[in-house]
Amino acid sequence: MRVESKDLTFIYGEGSKNLSVTALDKVSLTVEEGEFFGIIGQTGSGKTTFVQHLNGLIKVGKDKGSVIVGEYNLSDKKCDFKSLRAKVGMVFQYPEYQLFAETVKDDVAFGLKNFAPNMPEGEREKLVREAVETVGLNYDRIKEKSPFELSGGQKRRVAIAGVIVTKPEVLVLDEPAAGLDPVGKREFIELLHKLHGAFVKTIILVSHDMNLVSENCTRAAIFSHGKIHSVGTPKEIFSRYDELVELGLDLPVTASLTRALKENGIEIDSDLTVDGFIESAAKIFAGEK
């Protein structure tokens, strides 16, 4: 499913002279089907407000632009938001806080009961089992447990299972790796790539972690003061060192090293992934072109 916004505008407290804040200012952005797309920017830049429009958590206002996701025109009052939300999954920061049911099975099944209330119980449980096992958990071992009895990592996986149980084609994640240790972060990103290689066609990732974006995203957009500052591949974006510093953004480690080496007369041309940087650097120091 292709995601496209045109001149999308959103104002918090619109109509109030002293309290209104323009969160999005005529944002036009296209994410093609199949992308692993990053969205970066400082706190308050409009990132979260933007992605909350993509499954109708925030409705597109009258004369405030448009959002089209696949065949769904979210600017149309007749848009089937229930059907849309089954196909566009949303994972918030600290997704384990989304847990609420008495058992893991019931928590993961909640979305299915909402989107497909007439689904036979056997089919529903089959899909719940599949979702739980997809995120790397033993369904039979935890299905009757309270989700609040699980470890932090298990809670996060159960929360993700509850989102992917409907097999969304687009998965939107807002700071999904927040609070995870390096091992937990690596395992979580591996899970995202596993989903992306299965039924999730497009991933949109909001993150302050520039290393995560440079290592995993095909393209990314920088938000600044409610506007799109730039869009490009990680190499294109993170090679603009001075602009990123002016925007208050960090550089990925590979971009920082590339910059430092350039200042010392050594040009490293890589895609800014760790493997790509090491391969390019090794050729330079080995005397290859």
C-alpha atoms as a PDB file:
ATOM      1  CA  MET A   1       0.000   0.000   0.000  1.00  0.00           C
ATOM      2  CA  ARG A   2       1.375   3.364  -1.074  1.00  0.00           C
ATOM      3  CA  VAL A   3       1.150   6.191   1.471  1.00  0.00           C
ATOM      4  CA  GLU A   4       0.784   9.738   0.215  1.00  0.00           C
ATOM      5  CA  SER A   5       0.019  13.047   1.906  1.00  0.00           C
ATOM      6  CA  LYS A   6      -0.502  16.312   0.098  1.00  0.00           C
ATOM      7  CA  ASP A   7      -0.423  19.697   1.841  1.00  0.00           C
ATOM      8  CA  LEU A   8      -1.397  18.017   5.117  1.00  0.00           C
ATOM      9  CA  THR A   9      -1.946  20.617   7.824  1.00  0.00           C
ATOM     10  CA  PHE A  10      -2.870  20.169  11.453  1.00  0.00           C
ATOM     11  CA  ILE A  11      -3.211  22.827  14.150  1.00  0.00           C
ATOM     12  CA  TYR A  12      -3.582  21.958  17.816  1.00  0.00           C
ATOM     13  CA  GLY A  13      -5.971  24.343  19.546  1.00  0.00           C
ATOM     14  CA  GLU A  14      -7.092  25.851  16.270  1.00  0.00           C
ATOM     15  CA  GLY A  15      -9.253  28.892  16.871  1.00  0.00           C
ATOM     16  CA  SER A  16      -7.465  29.855  20.062  1.00  0.00           C
ATOM     17  CA  LYS A  17      -5.394  33.010  19.686  1.00  0.00           C
ATOM     18  CA  ASN A  18      -2.897  32.151  22.392  1.00  0.00           C
ATOM     19  CA  LEU A  19      -2.835  28.356  22.486  1.00  0.00           C
ATOM     20  CA  SER A  20      -2.868  27.235  18.857  1.00  0.00           C
ATOM     21  CA  VAL A  21       0.196  25.372  17.583  1.00  0.00           C
ATOM     22  CA  THR A  22       0.782  24.390  13.961  1.00  0.00           C
ATOM     23  CA  ALA A  23       2.045  20.822  14.182  1.00  0.00           C
ATOM     24  CA  LEU A  24       1.953  20.127  10.439  1.00  0.00           C
ATOM     25  CA  ASP A  25       2.309  22.813   7.807  1.00  0.00           C
ATOM     26  CA  LYS A  26       1.393  21.645   4.289  1.00  0.00           C
ATOM     27  CA  VAL A  27       3.292  18.371   4.533  1.00  0.00           C
ATOM     28  CA  SER A  28       3.568  16.468   1.250  1.00  0.00           C
ATOM     29  CA  LEU A  29       5.277  13.084   1.462  1.00  0.00           C
ATOM     30  CA  THR A  30       5.112   9.794  -0.434  1.00  0.00           C
ATOM     31  CA  VAL A  31       6.158   6.404   0.937  1.00  0.00           C
ATOM     32  CA  GLU A  32       6.192   3.727  -1.725  1.00  0.00           C
ATOM     33  CA  GLU A  33       4.976   0.191  -1.096  1.00  0.00           C
ATOM     34  CA  GLY A  34       7.842  -2.020   0.007  1.00  0.00           C
ATOM     35  CA  GLU A  35       9.902   0.669   1.711  1.00  0.00           C
ATOM     36  CA  PHE A  36      11.418   0.583   5.181  1.00  0.00           C
ATOM     37  CA  PHE A  37      10.967   4.310   5.681  1.00  0.00           C
ATOM     38  CA  GLY A  38      12.387   6.436   8.484  1.00  0.00           C
ATOM     39  CA  ILE A  39      10.965   9.647   9.947  1.00  0.00           C
ATOM     40  CA  ILE A  40      13.322  11.743  12.041  1.00  0.00           C
ATOM     41  CA  GLY A  41      13.339  15.153  13.662  1.00  0.00           C
ATOM     42  CA  GLN A  42      13.479  16.841  17.023  1.00  0.00           C
ATOM     43  CA  THR A  43      10.693  16.524  19.609  1.00  0.00           C
ATOM     44  CA  GLY A  44       7.827  18.745  18.485  1.00  0.00           C
ATOM     45  CA  SER A  45       8.778  18.608  14.803  1.00  0.00           C
ATOM     46  CA  GLY A  46       5.474  16.991  13.797  1.00  0.00           C
ATOM     47  CA  LYS A  47       6.596  13.375  13.352  1.00  0.00           C
ATOM     48  CA  THR A  48       4.070  11.715  15.658  1.00  0.00           C
ATOM     49  CA  THR A  49       1.219  13.981  14.570  1.00  0.00           C
ATOM     50  CA  PHE A  50       1.923  12.989  10.981  1.00  0.00           C
ATOM     51  CA  VAL A  51       1.921   9.231  11.506  1.00  0.00           C
ATOM     52  CA  GLN A  52      -1.231   9.410  13.640  1.00  0.00           C
ATOM     53  CA  HIS A  53      -3.029  10.600  10.516  1.00  0.00           C
ATOM     54  CA  LEU A  54      -2.100   7.441   8.616  1.00  0.00           C
ATOM     55  CA  ASN A  55      -4.752   5.230  10.205  1.00  0.00           C
ATOM     56  CA  GLY A  56      -7.187   7.924  11.211  1.00  0.00           C
ATOM     57  CA  LEU A  57      -6.219   8.356  14.863  1.00  0.00           C
ATOM     58  CA  ILE A  58      -6.167  12.017  13.887  1.00  0.00           C
ATOM     59  CA  LYS A  59      -8.679  12.837  11.182  1.00  0.00           C
ATOM     60  CA  VAL A  60      -7.771  14.988   8.197  1.00  0.00           C
ATOM     61  CA  GLY A  61      -9.491  18.311   8.735  1.00  0.00           C
ATOM     62  CA  LYS A  62     -11.607  20.138   6.186  1.00  0.00           C
ATOM     63  CA  ASP A  63      -9.414  22.021   3.725  1.00  0.00           C
ATOM     64  CA  LYS A  64      -6.344  20.692   5.535  1.00  0.00           C
ATOM     65  CA  GLY A  65      -4.863  18.649   2.699  1.00  0.00           C
ATOM     66  CA  SER A  66      -5.207  14.950   2.011  1.00  0.00           C
ATOM     67  CA  VAL A  67      -3.902  11.522   3.005  1.00  0.00           C
ATOM     68  CA  ILE A  68      -4.268   8.471   0.773  1.00  0.00           C
ATOM     69  CA  VAL A  69      -3.181   5.007   1.909  1.00  0.00           C
ATOM     70  CA  GLY A  70      -3.612   2.389  -0.777  1.00  0.00           C
ATOM     71  CA  GLU A  71      -7.223   2.544  -1.863  1.00  0.00           C
ATOM     72  CA  TYR A  72      -8.271   4.530   1.214  1.00  0.00           C
ATOM     73  CA  ASN A  73      -8.816   8.276   0.923  1.00  0.00           C
ATOM     74  CA  LEU A  74      -8.687   9.429   4.539  1.00  0.00           C
ATOM     75  CA  SER A  75      -9.936  12.870   3.571  1.00  0.00           C
ATOM     76  CA  ASP A  76     -13.244  11.332   2.487  1.00  0.00           C
ATOM     77  CA  LYS A  77     -15.905  11.271   5.201  1.00  0.00           C
ATOM     78  CA  LYS A  78     -17.070   7.921   3.806  1.00  0.00           C
ATOM     79  CA  CYS A  79     -13.641   6.314   4.321  1.00  0.00           C
ATOM     80  CA  ASP A  80     -13.929   2.896   5.989  1.00  0.00           C
ATOM     81  CA  PHE A  81     -11.597   3.573   8.918  1.00  0.00           C
ATOM     82  CA  LYS A  82     -12.332   0.230  10.554  1.00  0.00           C
ATOM     83  CA  SER A  83     -11.103  -1.630   7.487  1.00  0.00           C
ATOM     84  CA  LEU A  84      -8.169   0.764   7.160  1.00  0.00           C
ATOM     85  CA  ARG A  85      -6.990   0.150  10.732  1.00  0.00           C
ATOM     86  CA  ALA A  86      -6.865  -3.590  10.122  1.00  0.00           C
ATOM     87  CA  LYS A  87      -4.402  -2.916   7.295  1.00  0.00           C
ATOM     88  CA  VAL A  88      -2.384  -0.109   8.881  1.00  0.00           C
ATOM     89  CA  GLY A  89      -1.003  -1.235  12.231  1.00  0.00           C
ATOM     90  CA  MET A  90       0.210   1.360  14.733  1.00  0.00           C
ATOM     91  CA  VAL A  91       2.799   0.624  17.421  1.00  0.00           C
ATOM     92  CA  PHE A  92       3.416   3.408  19.914  1.00  0.00           C
ATOM     93  CA  GLN A  93       6.425   4.138  22.093  1.00  0.00           C
ATOM     94  CA  TYR A  94       6.559   1.578  24.922  1.00  0.00           C
ATOM     95  CA  PRO A  95       3.915  -0.628  23.253  1.00  0.00           C
ATOM     96  CA  GLU A  96       3.683  -2.795  26.379  1.00  0.00           C
ATOM     97  CA  TYR A  97       1.605   0.018  27.896  1.00  0.00           C
ATOM     98  CA  GLN A  98      -1.096  -0.922  25.372  1.00  0.00           C
ATOM     99  CA  LEU A  99      -1.695  -4.246  27.169  1.00  0.00           C
ATOM    100  CA  PHE A 100      -4.906  -4.466  29.156  1.00  0.00           C
ATOM    101  CA  ALA A 101      -6.628  -7.883  28.998  1.00  0.00           C
ATOM    102  CA  GLU A 102      -6.610 -10.637  31.628  1.00  0.00           C
ATOM    103  CA  THR A 103      -4.739 -13.126  29.442  1.00  0.00           C
ATOM    104  CA  VAL A 104      -2.233 -12.950  26.613  1.00  0.00           C
ATOM    105  CA  LYS A 105      -4.662 -14.788  24.344  1.00  0.00           C
ATOM    106  CA  ASP A 106      -7.428 -12.242  24.944  1.00  0.00           C
ATOM    107  CA  ASP A 107      -5.093  -9.298  24.543  1.00  0.00           C
ATOM    108  CA  VAL A 108      -3.767 -10.429  21.187  1.00  0.00           C
ATOM    109  CA  ALA A 109      -7.254 -11.412  20.000  1.00  0.00           C
ATOM    110  CA  PHE A 110      -8.778  -8.014  20.786  1.00  0.00           C
ATOM    111  CA  GLY A 111      -8.089  -6.509  17.368  1.00  0.00           C
ATOM    112  CA  LEU A 112      -9.543  -9.494  15.547  1.00  0.00           C
ATOM    113  CA  LYS A 113     -12.702  -9.377  17.648  1.00  0.00           C
ATOM    114  CA  ASN A 114     -13.071  -5.726  16.753  1.00  0.00           C
ATOM    115  CA  PHE A 115     -12.275  -5.943  13.034  1.00  0.00           C
ATOM    116  CA  ALA A 116     -13.827  -9.379  12.344  1.00  0.00           C
ATOM    117  CA  PRO A 117     -16.484 -10.016  15.027  1.00  0.00           C
ATOM    118  CA  ASN A 118     -18.060 -12.881  13.086  1.00  0.00           C
ATOM    119  CA  MET A 119     -14.857 -14.851  12.676  1.00  0.00           C
ATOM    120  CA  PRO A 120     -15.181 -18.426  14.014  1.00  0.00           C
ATOM    121  CA  GLU A 121     -13.424 -18.943  17.335  1.00  0.00           C
ATOM    122  CA  GLY A 122     -11.171 -21.663  15.931  1.00  0.00           C
ATOM    123  CA  GLU A 123      -9.945 -19.481  13.109  1.00  0.00           C
ATOM    124  CA  ARG A 124      -9.415 -16.573  15.506  1.00  0.00           C
ATOM    125  CA  GLU A 125      -7.290 -18.655  17.855  1.00  0.00           C
ATOM    126  CA  LYS A 126      -5.266 -19.960  14.919  1.00  0.00           C
ATOM    127  CA  LEU A 127      -4.386 -16.399  13.911  1.00  0.00           C
ATOM    128  CA  VAL A 128      -3.627 -15.418  17.513  1.00  0.00           C
ATOM    129  CA  ARG A 129      -1.293 -18.402  17.874  1.00  0.00           C
ATOM    130  CA  GLU A 130       0.423 -17.498  14.606  1.00  0.00           C
ATOM    131  CA  ALA A 131       0.936 -13.879  15.703  1.00  0.00           C
ATOM    132  CA  VAL A 132       2.362 -14.863  19.093  1.00  0.00           C
ATOM    133  CA  GLU A 133       4.717 -17.413  17.550  1.00  0.00           C
ATOM    134  CA  THR A 134       5.753 -14.925  14.853  1.00  0.00           C
ATOM    135  CA  VAL A 135       7.107 -12.597  17.543  1.00  0.00           C
ATOM    136  CA  GLY A 136       9.106 -15.476  19.006  1.00  0.00           C
ATOM    137  CA  LEU A 137       6.995 -16.571  21.988  1.00  0.00           C
ATOM    138  CA  ASN A 138       5.634 -19.992  22.952  1.00  0.00           C
ATOM    139  CA  TYR A 139       1.868 -19.675  22.596  1.00  0.00           C
ATOM    140  CA  ASP A 140       0.893 -22.721  24.667  1.00  0.00           C
ATOM    141  CA  ARG A 141       3.159 -21.628  27.495  1.00  0.00           C
ATOM    142  CA  ILE A 142       1.900 -18.059  27.844  1.00  0.00           C
ATOM    143  CA  LYS A 143      -1.602 -17.923  26.337  1.00  0.00           C
ATOM    144  CA  GLU A 144      -3.421 -18.134  29.702  1.00  0.00           C
ATOM    145  CA  LYS A 145      -0.961 -15.950  31.587  1.00  0.00           C
ATOM    146  CA  SER A 146      -1.658 -12.358  32.477  1.00  0.00           C
ATOM    147  CA  PRO A 147       0.408 -10.154  30.165  1.00  0.00           C
ATOM    148  CA  PHE A 148       1.462  -8.205  33.243  1.00  0.00           C
ATOM    149  CA  GLU A 149       3.269 -11.269  34.618  1.00  0.00           C
ATOM    150  CA  LEU A 150       5.637 -11.360  31.668  1.00  0.00           C
ATOM    151  CA  SER A 151       9.094  -9.834  31.393  1.00  0.00           C
ATOM    152  CA  GLY A 152       9.491  -6.426  29.776  1.00  0.00           C
ATOM    153  CA  GLY A 153      10.713  -7.918  26.521  1.00  0.00           C
ATOM    154  CA  GLN A 154       7.887 -10.446  26.427  1.00  0.00           C
ATOM    155  CA  LYS A 155       5.313  -7.725  27.080  1.00  0.00           C
ATOM    156  CA  ARG A 156       6.605  -5.745  24.128  1.00  0.00           C
ATOM    157  CA  ARG A 157       6.410  -8.799  21.879  1.00  0.00           C
ATOM    158  CA  VAL A 158       2.844  -9.548  22.992  1.00  0.00           C
ATOM    159  CA  ALA A 159       1.880  -5.953  22.247  1.00  0.00           C
ATOM    160  CA  ILE A 160       3.366  -6.277  18.756  1.00  0.00           C
ATOM    161  CA  ALA A 161       1.493  -9.573  18.273  1.00  0.00           C
ATOM    162  CA  GLY A 162      -1.739  -7.748  19.047  1.00  0.00           C
ATOM    163  CA  VAL A 163      -1.010  -5.325  16.214  1.00  0.00           C
ATOM    164  CA  ILE A 164       0.146  -7.825  13.584  1.00  0.00           C
ATOM    165  CA  VAL A 165      -2.596 -10.378  14.258  1.00  0.00           C
ATOM    166  CA  THR A 166      -4.690  -8.730  11.510  1.00  0.00           C
ATOM    167  CA  LYS A 167      -1.680  -9.025   9.153  1.00  0.00           C
ATOM    168  CA  PRO A 168      -1.426  -5.310   8.329  1.00  0.00           C
ATOM    169  CA  GLU A 169       0.162  -4.318   5.057  1.00  0.00           C
ATOM    170  CA  VAL A 170       1.601  -1.141   6.589  1.00  0.00           C
ATOM    171  CA  LEU A 171       3.219  -1.068  10.026  1.00  0.00           C
ATOM    172  CA  VAL A 172       3.868   2.320  11.641  1.00  0.00           C
ATOM    173  CA  LEU A 173       6.153   2.380  14.675  1.00  0.00           C
ATOM    174  CA  ASP A 174       6.810   5.413  16.892  1.00  0.00           C
ATOM    175  CA  GLU A 175      10.117   5.000  18.773  1.00  0.00           C
ATOM    176  CA  PRO A 176       9.608   1.214  19.077  1.00  0.00           C
ATOM    177  CA  ALA A 177      13.093   0.499  20.416  1.00  0.00           C
ATOM    178  CA  ALA A 178      12.898   3.036  23.258  1.00  0.00           C
ATOM    179  CA  GLY A 179      14.144   1.649  26.550  1.00  0.00           C
ATOM    180  CA  LEU A 180      15.609  -1.542  25.094  1.00  0.00           C
ATOM    181  CA  ASP A 181      19.153  -2.648  25.825  1.00  0.00           C
ATOM    182  CA  PRO A 182      21.442  -3.311  22.811  1.00  0.00           C
ATOM    183  CA  VAL A 183      20.529  -7.000  22.646  1.00  0.00           C
ATOM    184  CA  GLY A 184      16.810  -6.280  22.954  1.00  0.00           C
ATOM    185  CA  LYS A 185      17.067  -3.590  20.291  1.00  0.00           C
ATOM    186  CA  ARG A 186      18.874  -5.920  17.884  1.00  0.00           C
ATOM    187  CA  GLU A 187      16.303  -8.664  18.395  1.00  0.00           C
ATOM    188  CA  PHE A 188      13.453  -6.199  17.901  1.00  0.00           C
ATOM    189  CA  ILE A 189      14.891  -4.889  14.630  1.00  0.00           C
ATOM    190  CA  GLU A 190      15.404  -8.470  13.444  1.00  0.00           C
ATOM    191  CA  LEU A 191      11.711  -9.053  14.153  1.00  0.00           C
ATOM    192  CA  LEU A 192      10.763  -6.008  12.067  1.00  0.00           C
ATOM    193  CA  HIS A 193      12.768  -7.295   9.120  1.00  0.00           C
ATOM    194  CA  LYS A 194      11.146 -10.702   9.540  1.00  0.00           C
ATOM    195  CA  LEU A 195       7.700  -9.084   9.350  1.00  0.00           C
ATOM    196  CA  HIS A 196       8.779  -6.946   6.405  1.00  0.00           C
ATOM    197  CA  GLY A 197       9.811 -10.078   4.568  1.00  0.00           C
ATOM    198  CA  ALA A 198       6.470 -11.734   5.296  1.00  0.00           C
ATOM    199  CA  PHE A 199       3.116  -9.943   5.093  1.00  0.00           C
ATOM    200  CA  VAL A 200       4.029  -6.377   6.124  1.00  0.00           C
ATOM    201  CA  LYS A 201       4.750  -4.641   2.835  1.00  0.00           C
ATOM    202  CA  THR A 202       5.724  -1.230   4.173  1.00  0.00           C
ATOM    203  CA  ILE A 203       7.305  -0.159   7.461  1.00  0.00           C
ATOM    204  CA  ILE A 204       7.330   3.450   8.633  1.00  0.00           C
ATOM    205  CA  LEU A 205       9.649   4.021  11.551  1.00  0.00           C
ATOM    206  CA  VAL A 206       9.721   7.168  13.689  1.00  0.00           C
ATOM    207  CA  SER A 207      12.969   7.329  15.625  1.00  0.00           C
ATOM    208  CA  HIS A 208      15.506   9.550  17.369  1.00  0.00           C
ATOM    209  CA  ASP A 209      18.075   6.796  16.881  1.00  0.00           C
ATOM    210  CA  MET A 210      20.072   7.827  13.821  1.00  0.00           C
ATOM    211  CA  ASN A 211      22.082   4.599  13.858  1.00  0.00           C
ATOM    212  CA  LEU A 212      18.876   2.597  13.630  1.00  0.00           C
ATOM    213  CA  VAL A 213      17.685   4.686  10.672  1.00  0.00           C
ATOM    214  CA  SER A 214      20.988   4.598   8.763  1.00  0.00           C
ATOM    215  CA  GLU A 215      21.320   0.854   9.279  1.00  0.00           C
ATOM    216  CA  ASN A 216      17.796  -0.210   8.324  1.00  0.00           C
ATOM    217  CA  CYS A 217      15.867   2.355   6.281  1.00  0.00           C
ATOM    218  CA  THR A 218      15.725   2.578   2.505  1.00  0.00           C
ATOM    219  CA  ARG A 219      14.792   6.275   2.697  1.00  0.00           C
ATOM    220  CA  ALA A 220      13.972   8.792   5.397  1.00  0.00           C
ATOM    221  CA  ALA A 221      12.321  12.180   5.860  1.00  0.00           C
ATOM    222  CA  ILE A 222      13.492  14.911   8.213  1.00  0.00           C
ATOM    223  CA  PHE A 223      10.699  16.877   9.893  1.00  0.00           C
ATOM    224  CA  SER A 224      11.415  20.360  11.254  1.00  0.00           C
ATOM    225  CA  HIS A 225       8.882  22.783  12.720  1.00  0.00           C
ATOM    226  CA  GLY A 226       5.972  20.954  11.120  1.00  0.00           C
ATOM    227  CA  LYS A 227       7.500  20.901   7.654  1.00  0.00           C
ATOM    228  CA  ILE A 228       9.463  18.419   5.570  1.00  0.00           C
ATOM    229  CA  HIS A 229      13.066  19.594   5.568  1.00  0.00           C
ATOM    230  CA  SER A 230      14.402  16.890   3.250  1.00  0.00           C
ATOM    231  CA  VAL A 231      13.819  13.354   1.978  1.00  0.00           C
ATOM    232  CA  GLY A 232      16.400  10.901   0.731  1.00  0.00           C
ATOM    233  CA  THR A 233      18.421   7.772   1.331  1.00  0.00           C
ATOM    234  CA  PRO A 234      20.350   7.602   4.618  1.00  0.00           C
ATOM    235  CA  LYS A 235      23.521   8.371   2.664  1.00  0.00           C
ATOM    236  CA  GLU A 236      21.960  11.470   1.103  1.00  0.00           C
ATOM    237  CA  ILE A 237      20.547  12.735   4.385  1.00  0.00           C
ATOM    238  CA  PHE A 238      23.398  11.970   6.762  1.00  0.00           C
ATOM    239  CA  SER A 239      26.068  13.295   4.412  1.00  0.00           C
ATOM    240  CA  ARG A 240      24.687  16.797   5.010  1.00  0.00           C
ATOM    241  CA  TYR A 241      26.502  17.086   8.316  1.00  0.00           C
ATOM    242  CA  ASP A 242      26.203  20.809   8.987  1.00  0.00           C
ATOM    243  CA  GLU A 243      22.487  20.938   8.219  1.00  0.00           C
ATOM    244  CA  LEU A 244      21.772  18.106  10.648  1.00  0.00           C
ATOM    245  CA  VAL A 245      23.727  19.847  13.392  1.00  0.00           C
ATOM    246  CA  GLU A 246      21.766  23.061  12.775  1.00  0.00           C
ATOM    247  CA  LEU A 247      18.544  21.053  13.124  1.00  0.00           C
ATOM    248  CA  GLY A 248      19.746  19.674  16.463  1.00  0.00           C
ATOM    249  CA  LEU A 249      20.048  16.116  15.192  1.00  0.00           C
ATOM    250  CA  ASP A 250      22.782  13.612  15.919  1.00  0.00           C
ATOM    251  CA  LEU A 251      24.783  11.800  13.280  1.00  0.00           C
ATOM    252  CA  PRO A 252      24.979   8.022  13.005  1.00  0.00           C
ATOM    253  CA  VAL A 253      28.350   6.670  14.101  1.00  0.00           C
ATOM    254  CA  THR A 254      29.268   5.808  10.512  1.00  0.00           C
ATOM    255  CA  ALA A 255      28.519   9.371   9.349  1.00  0.00           C
ATOM    256  CA  SER A 256      30.563  10.846  12.212  1.00  0.00           C
ATOM    257  CA  LEU A 257      33.514   8.626  11.325  1.00  0.00           C
ATOM    258  CA  THR A 258      33.159   9.463   7.631  1.00  0.00           C
ATOM    259  CA  ARG A 259      33.212  13.157   8.463  1.00  0.00           C
ATOM    260  CA  ALA A 260      36.231  12.862  10.767  1.00  0.00           C
ATOM    261  CA  LEU A 261      38.188  10.895   8.189  1.00  0.00           C
ATOM    262  CA  LYS A 262      37.319  13.408   5.457  1.00  0.00           C
ATOM    263  CA  GLU A 263      38.658  16.223   7.614  1.00  0.00           C
ATOM    264  CA  ASN A 264      41.916  14.281   7.685  1.00  0.00           C
ATOM    265  CA  GLY A 265      42.041  13.787   3.945  1.00  0.00           C
ATOM    266  CA  ILE A 266      40.553  10.285   3.769  1.00  0.00           C
ATOM    267  CA  GLU A 267      37.416   9.906   1.644  1.00  0.00           C
ATOM    268  CA  ILE A 268      35.149   6.979   2.543  1.00  0.00           C
ATOM    269  CA  ASP A 269      32.236   6.428   0.154  1.00  0.00           C
ATOM    270  CA  SER A 270      29.701   4.039   1.691  1.00  0.00           C
ATOM    271  CA  ASP A 271      25.954   3.661   2.197  1.00  0.00           C
ATOM    272  CA  LEU A 272      26.560   4.465   5.905  1.00  0.00           C
ATOM    273  CA  THR A 273      25.503   1.055   7.152  1.00  0.00           C
ATOM    274  CA  VAL A 274      28.105  -0.484   9.444  1.00  0.00           C
ATOM    275  CA  ASP A 275      28.923  -3.268   6.991  1.00  0.00           C
ATOM    276  CA  GLY A 276      29.076  -0.855   4.084  1.00  0.00           C
ATOM    277  CA  PHE A 277      31.350   1.528   5.976  1.00  0.00           C
ATOM    278  CA  ILE A 278      33.723  -1.243   7.077  1.00  0.00           C
ATOM    279  CA  GLU A 279      33.914  -2.671   3.557  1.00  0.00           C
ATOM    280  CA  SER A 280      34.645   0.724   1.999  1.00  0.00           C
ATOM    281  CA  ALA A 281      37.145   1.674   4.699  1.00  0.00           C
ATOM    282  CA  ALA A 282      38.952  -1.648   4.372  1.00  0.00           C
ATOM    283  CA  LYS A 283      39.437  -1.082   0.641  1.00  0.00           C
ATOM    284  CA  ILE A 284      40.813   2.419   1.233  1.00  0.00           C
ATOM    285  CA  PHE A 285      43.290   1.316   3.882  1.00  0.00           C
ATOM    286  CA  ALA A 286      44.281  -1.675   1.761  1.00  0.00           C
ATOM    287  CA  GLY A 287      45.155   0.703  -1.055  1.00  0.00           C
ATOM    288  CA  GLU A 288      42.222  -0.222  -3.291  1.00  0.00           C
ATOM    289  CA  LYS A 289      40.062   2.285  -5.132  1.00  0.00           C
END
